[in-house]
Amino acid sequence: MTRVKQTVSRQAPWAAFGVVMLIANVSCGKMPDAAAEVKLSPAIEIAEVTSITGKVTLKGADPAKLKKVVDVGGNPFCTGHGEILDPAWKVSADGSLADAVITVRGSQRASNAASAPMMDQTKCEFVPHTLSIQPGQSVRFHNNDLTFHNIRIARYEAPGKSSNIDNFGQPSRGDENVKVFNTPGIYRLECDVHRWMNAWVYVHEGVHTAVSGTDGRFSISRALADGDYVVEAWHPQFPQSITHTVTVRDGKATADFEFDFANAHSL
């Protein structure tokens, strides 16, 4: 049975846990979230057609050496699923880079956007590792594991610098919380019970956004009028985004991005 709770700005966070995993409705470093007070820009209907496609790659690193097995500390539930790989780097043998967020500057909000994509917790990992949405969209946070998880949401500002805005517990399989993200920005998710678990929600100014897959490819599936656009690629392992100016003709354009491992930082 799925239990769902809707939240916009305030929700009683989970508290202390120990051998018996007690839950209490007390504060856990949560900061006030002004998302509910943000005035959203007008939304219009934007056709769901492919406009900008491309590929994201990484140079200057051996993909095999970037794969690291997470130390789960002998957690009896999580060890039952086999090795868990650190999600920081998802790079294929040919250098294809996953989890890069591609955005188009000046994008508008769409009135026909999906209501609530899901961020699942399964096999002691967040799936997917990165979501991109527009302001006003909700995210469904779901626990698919037979173990206690919590989700701490922090507004990301810089490596090592973030502000907690929400923190809620999901003690049982099937627990679900729905949170609205009204404020554009980057949000880091963590599970304080399983410290290796982290993920990202990128709230763009509008609907023209996509996340690169394991093959490095992305597709922005919203219409764009012909013209010049600044397209940006962001990846959590890099302090700087990459920007390209692309020309859309007949509603189509391509944009490829290459990150240099030498410029990466460690989160």
Protein backbone atom coordinates (compact mmCIF):
# COMPACT_ATOMS: atom_id res chain seq x y z
CA MET A 1 0.00 0.00 0.00
CA THR A 2 1.38 3.41 -0.96
CA ARG A 3 1.02 6.21 1.57
CA VAL A 4 1.34 9.65 0.01
CA LYS A 5 1.83 13.02 1.67
CA GLN A 6 1.76 16.32 -0.25
CA THR A 7 4.19 19.05 0.79
CA VAL A 8 5.01 22.49 -0.58
CA SER A 9 7.09 24.22 2.03
CA ARG A 10 6.68 22.72 5.48
CA GLN A 11 6.56 19.11 6.56
CA ALA A 12 7.44 17.55 9.90
CA PRO A 13 10.89 15.98 9.32
CA TRP A 14 12.07 12.64 10.70
CA ALA A 15 14.20 12.70 13.79
CA ALA A 16 16.40 10.43 15.83
CA PHE A 17 16.98 6.87 14.81
CA GLY A 18 19.03 4.15 16.45
CA VAL A 19 18.83 0.44 16.96
CA VAL A 20 15.04 0.55 17.08
CA MET A 21 14.69 3.28 14.42
CA LEU A 22 12.36 5.56 16.37
CA ILE A 23 10.63 8.37 14.47
CA ALA A 24 9.67 11.69 16.06
CA ASN A 25 8.23 14.86 14.56
CA VAL A 26 10.97 17.23 15.58
CA SER A 27 13.20 19.60 13.68
CA CYS A 28 16.28 18.16 11.96
CA GLY A 29 18.20 21.13 10.62
CA LYS A 30 15.43 22.11 8.26
CA MET A 31 15.37 25.69 7.03
CA PRO A 32 12.22 27.58 6.03
CA ASP A 33 11.39 26.99 2.38
CA ALA A 34 10.02 30.04 0.59
CA ALA A 35 8.98 28.00 -2.45
CA ALA A 36 5.29 28.37 -1.68
CA GLU A 37 5.58 32.15 -1.86
CA VAL A 38 7.37 32.29 -5.22
CA LYS A 39 5.30 33.81 -8.01
CA LEU A 40 5.47 31.50 -10.99
CA SER A 41 5.84 32.84 -14.51
CA PRO A 42 2.87 32.24 -16.83
CA ALA A 43 2.70 28.78 -18.39
CA ILE A 44 1.72 28.17 -22.00
CA GLU A 45 1.11 25.04 -24.02
CA ILE A 46 4.34 23.94 -25.68
CA ALA A 47 4.23 21.09 -28.17
CA GLU A 48 6.00 17.87 -27.21
CA VAL A 49 8.33 17.52 -30.18
CA THR A 50 12.09 17.04 -30.28
CA SER A 51 13.97 20.29 -30.81
CA ILE A 52 17.60 19.99 -29.61
CA THR A 53 19.55 16.75 -29.43
CA GLY A 54 23.17 15.93 -28.74
CA LYS A 55 25.71 14.02 -26.71
CA VAL A 56 27.76 14.71 -23.59
CA THR A 57 31.24 13.21 -23.22
CA LEU A 58 34.12 13.28 -20.76
CA LYS A 59 37.76 13.58 -21.77
CA GLY A 60 40.96 13.16 -19.81
CA ALA A 61 39.98 10.19 -17.64
CA ASP A 62 39.93 6.41 -17.75
CA PRO A 63 36.26 5.47 -17.26
CA ALA A 64 37.21 2.18 -15.60
CA LYS A 65 39.18 4.00 -12.90
CA LEU A 66 36.23 6.25 -12.09
CA LYS A 67 34.08 3.32 -10.97
CA LYS A 68 34.13 3.02 -7.19
CA VAL A 69 32.31 0.50 -5.04
CA VAL A 70 30.49 2.09 -2.11
CA ASP A 71 31.38 0.95 1.40
CA VAL A 72 27.95 0.26 2.94
CA GLY A 73 29.44 -0.52 6.33
CA GLY A 74 28.08 -4.03 6.44
CA ASN A 75 24.47 -2.85 6.28
CA PRO A 76 22.59 -6.17 6.21
CA PHE A 77 19.83 -5.02 3.87
CA CYS A 78 21.95 -3.08 1.39
CA THR A 79 24.65 -5.75 1.09
CA GLY A 80 21.99 -8.17 -0.10
CA HIS A 81 21.78 -6.37 -3.46
CA GLY A 82 25.39 -6.84 -4.45
CA GLU A 83 27.91 -4.10 -5.08
CA ILE A 84 26.66 -0.51 -5.15
CA LEU A 85 28.65 1.82 -7.38
CA ASP A 86 29.29 5.43 -6.44
CA PRO A 87 26.86 7.42 -8.65
CA ALA A 88 29.18 10.44 -8.94
CA TRP A 89 30.61 9.27 -12.27
CA LYS A 90 28.63 7.33 -14.84
CA VAL A 91 30.97 7.13 -17.81
CA SER A 92 30.92 4.47 -20.50
CA ALA A 93 34.01 3.03 -22.17
CA ASP A 94 33.80 5.55 -25.03
CA GLY A 95 33.60 8.51 -22.64
CA SER A 96 29.84 9.02 -22.80
CA LEU A 97 28.80 10.95 -19.68
CA ALA A 98 25.46 10.46 -17.93
CA ASP A 99 23.58 12.79 -15.54
CA ALA A 100 24.46 16.06 -17.26
CA VAL A 101 21.55 18.51 -17.24
CA ILE A 102 20.99 20.36 -20.51
CA THR A 103 18.96 23.58 -20.43
CA VAL A 104 17.92 26.32 -22.84
CA ARG A 105 18.12 29.87 -21.57
CA GLY A 106 14.94 31.90 -21.86
CA SER A 107 12.81 28.77 -21.67
CA GLN A 108 9.14 29.17 -20.78
CA ARG A 109 7.08 27.07 -18.44
CA ALA A 110 4.71 24.63 -20.11
CA SER A 111 1.11 24.22 -19.04
CA ASN A 112 1.15 20.67 -20.40
CA ALA A 113 4.15 19.40 -18.39
CA ALA A 114 4.03 16.11 -16.53
CA SER A 115 2.64 16.54 -13.05
CA ALA A 116 5.04 14.59 -10.86
CA PRO A 117 8.03 12.52 -12.05
CA MET A 118 9.25 10.00 -9.49
CA MET A 119 12.50 9.78 -7.57
CA ASP A 120 12.62 6.25 -6.18
CA GLN A 121 14.74 4.72 -3.44
CA THR A 122 15.46 1.19 -4.49
CA LYS A 123 18.27 -1.22 -3.58
CA CYS A 124 19.72 1.53 -1.38
CA GLU A 125 20.12 4.00 -4.24
CA PHE A 126 18.19 6.99 -5.57
CA VAL A 127 16.81 6.25 -9.03
CA PRO A 128 17.23 8.24 -11.19
CA HIS A 129 20.33 9.99 -9.89
CA THR A 130 19.35 13.27 -11.58
CA LEU A 131 15.98 14.81 -12.41
CA SER A 132 15.33 18.04 -14.31
CA ILE A 133 11.97 19.79 -13.98
CA GLN A 134 10.36 23.19 -14.45
CA PRO A 135 9.17 25.47 -11.62
CA GLY A 136 5.80 24.43 -10.29
CA GLN A 137 6.33 20.74 -10.96
CA SER A 138 6.21 18.21 -8.16
CA VAL A 139 8.49 15.25 -7.51
CA ARG A 140 7.21 11.98 -6.03
CA PHE A 141 9.70 10.62 -3.53
CA HIS A 142 9.07 6.91 -3.06
CA ASN A 143 10.57 4.19 -0.89
CA ASN A 144 10.71 0.85 -2.69
CA ASP A 145 12.97 -0.80 -0.10
CA LEU A 146 12.15 -2.91 2.94
CA THR A 147 14.22 -0.59 5.09
CA PHE A 148 14.05 2.87 6.64
CA HIS A 149 15.08 5.78 4.41
CA ASN A 150 14.91 9.51 4.88
CA ILE A 151 15.20 12.28 2.30
CA ARG A 152 16.98 15.48 3.18
CA ILE A 153 16.57 18.19 0.55
CA ALA A 154 19.08 21.04 0.44
CA ARG A 155 19.33 23.98 -1.92
CA TYR A 156 22.80 23.62 -3.43
CA GLU A 157 24.97 26.73 -3.68
CA ALA A 158 28.55 25.47 -4.01
CA PRO A 159 30.59 22.40 -3.04
CA GLY A 160 30.17 21.98 0.70
CA LYS A 161 27.64 24.81 0.89
CA SER A 162 23.90 24.22 0.90
CA SER A 163 20.78 25.14 2.85
CA ASN A 164 18.41 22.49 4.16
CA ILE A 165 14.81 23.12 3.15
CA ASP A 166 13.09 19.83 3.95
CA ASN A 167 13.68 16.50 5.62
CA PHE A 168 11.18 13.68 5.87
CA GLY A 169 11.32 10.04 6.76
CA GLN A 170 9.99 7.03 4.90
CA PRO A 171 10.20 4.12 7.34
CA SER A 172 8.27 1.57 5.28
CA ARG A 173 8.22 0.18 1.80
CA GLY A 174 5.57 2.02 -0.23
CA ASP A 175 5.90 5.31 1.67
CA GLU A 176 5.71 8.29 -0.63
CA ASN A 177 5.94 12.07 -0.33
CA VAL A 178 5.11 14.60 -3.04
CA LYS A 179 6.95 17.92 -2.97
CA VAL A 180 6.40 20.97 -5.17
CA PHE A 181 9.50 22.83 -6.39
CA ASN A 182 8.56 26.40 -7.26
CA THR A 183 11.98 28.04 -7.03
CA PRO A 184 14.52 27.53 -9.85
CA GLY A 185 17.83 26.18 -8.63
CA ILE A 186 19.80 23.02 -7.88
CA TYR A 187 18.73 20.76 -5.04
CA ARG A 188 20.83 18.00 -3.49
CA LEU A 189 19.14 14.98 -1.94
CA GLU A 190 20.69 12.80 0.73
CA CYS A 191 19.65 9.90 2.92
CA ASP A 192 21.10 10.37 6.39
CA VAL A 193 20.52 6.70 7.20
CA HIS A 194 22.60 5.52 4.23
CA ARG A 195 25.22 8.23 3.76
CA TRP A 196 26.32 7.16 0.28
CA MET A 197 22.84 7.81 -1.12
CA ASN A 198 22.57 11.14 -2.91
CA ALA A 199 20.81 12.57 -5.94
CA TRP A 200 19.94 15.84 -7.66
CA VAL A 201 16.83 17.77 -8.67
CA TYR A 202 17.56 20.57 -11.15
CA VAL A 203 14.74 23.11 -11.39
CA HIS A 204 15.17 25.04 -14.63
CA GLU A 205 13.43 28.32 -15.46
CA GLY A 206 11.24 26.55 -18.00
CA VAL A 207 10.43 23.25 -19.64
CA HIS A 208 13.29 23.06 -22.15
CA THR A 209 15.58 20.73 -20.25
CA ALA A 210 16.87 17.17 -20.41
CA VAL A 211 19.32 14.82 -18.67
CA SER A 212 21.94 12.81 -20.56
CA GLY A 213 21.57 9.03 -20.40
CA THR A 214 24.19 6.33 -19.96
CA ASP A 215 25.04 6.69 -23.66
CA GLY A 216 25.65 10.41 -23.11
CA ARG A 217 22.76 11.36 -25.37
CA PHE A 218 20.00 13.80 -24.56
CA SER A 219 16.88 15.06 -26.26
CA ILE A 220 14.95 18.21 -25.41
CA SER A 221 11.43 17.16 -26.26
CA ARG A 222 9.73 20.56 -26.43
CA ALA A 223 9.22 22.77 -29.47
CA LEU A 224 11.40 25.81 -30.11
CA ALA A 225 10.86 28.53 -32.67
CA ASP A 226 13.64 29.00 -35.21
CA GLY A 227 16.42 31.24 -33.97
CA ASP A 228 19.57 31.37 -31.86
CA TYR A 229 19.61 29.93 -28.34
CA VAL A 230 22.15 29.61 -25.53
CA VAL A 231 22.23 25.97 -24.46
CA GLU A 232 23.95 25.01 -21.21
CA ALA A 233 25.28 21.72 -19.84
CA TRP A 234 25.71 21.26 -16.08
CA HIS A 235 27.14 18.24 -14.29
CA PRO A 236 27.45 17.98 -10.49
CA GLN A 237 31.13 17.06 -10.68
CA PHE A 238 32.10 20.35 -12.32
CA PRO A 239 32.12 23.88 -10.86
CA GLN A 240 31.43 25.47 -14.24
CA SER A 241 28.79 24.75 -16.83
CA ILE A 242 29.50 24.60 -20.55
CA THR A 243 27.50 26.88 -22.85
CA HIS A 244 27.00 26.83 -26.60
CA THR A 245 24.99 29.07 -28.89
CA VAL A 246 23.01 26.97 -31.32
CA THR A 247 20.76 27.87 -34.22
CA VAL A 248 17.40 26.15 -34.48
CA ARG A 249 16.24 25.74 -38.08
CA ASP A 250 13.02 24.03 -39.03
CA GLY A 251 12.56 23.39 -35.31
CA LYS A 252 15.75 21.30 -34.98
CA ALA A 253 19.31 21.73 -33.77
CA THR A 254 22.18 19.69 -32.33
CA ALA A 255 24.58 20.54 -29.52
CA ASP A 256 27.40 18.35 -28.23
CA PHE A 257 29.25 19.01 -24.97
CA GLU A 258 32.64 17.77 -23.77
CA PHE A 259 33.69 18.09 -20.13
CA ASP A 260 37.38 17.97 -19.23
CA PHE A 261 38.16 15.81 -16.20
CA ALA A 262 40.99 18.19 -15.32
CA ASN A 263 38.35 20.80 -14.41
CA ALA A 264 36.32 18.54 -12.12
CA HIS A 265 35.98 19.14 -8.42
CA SER A 266 35.33 16.64 -5.65
CA LEU A 267 31.96 16.92 -3.90
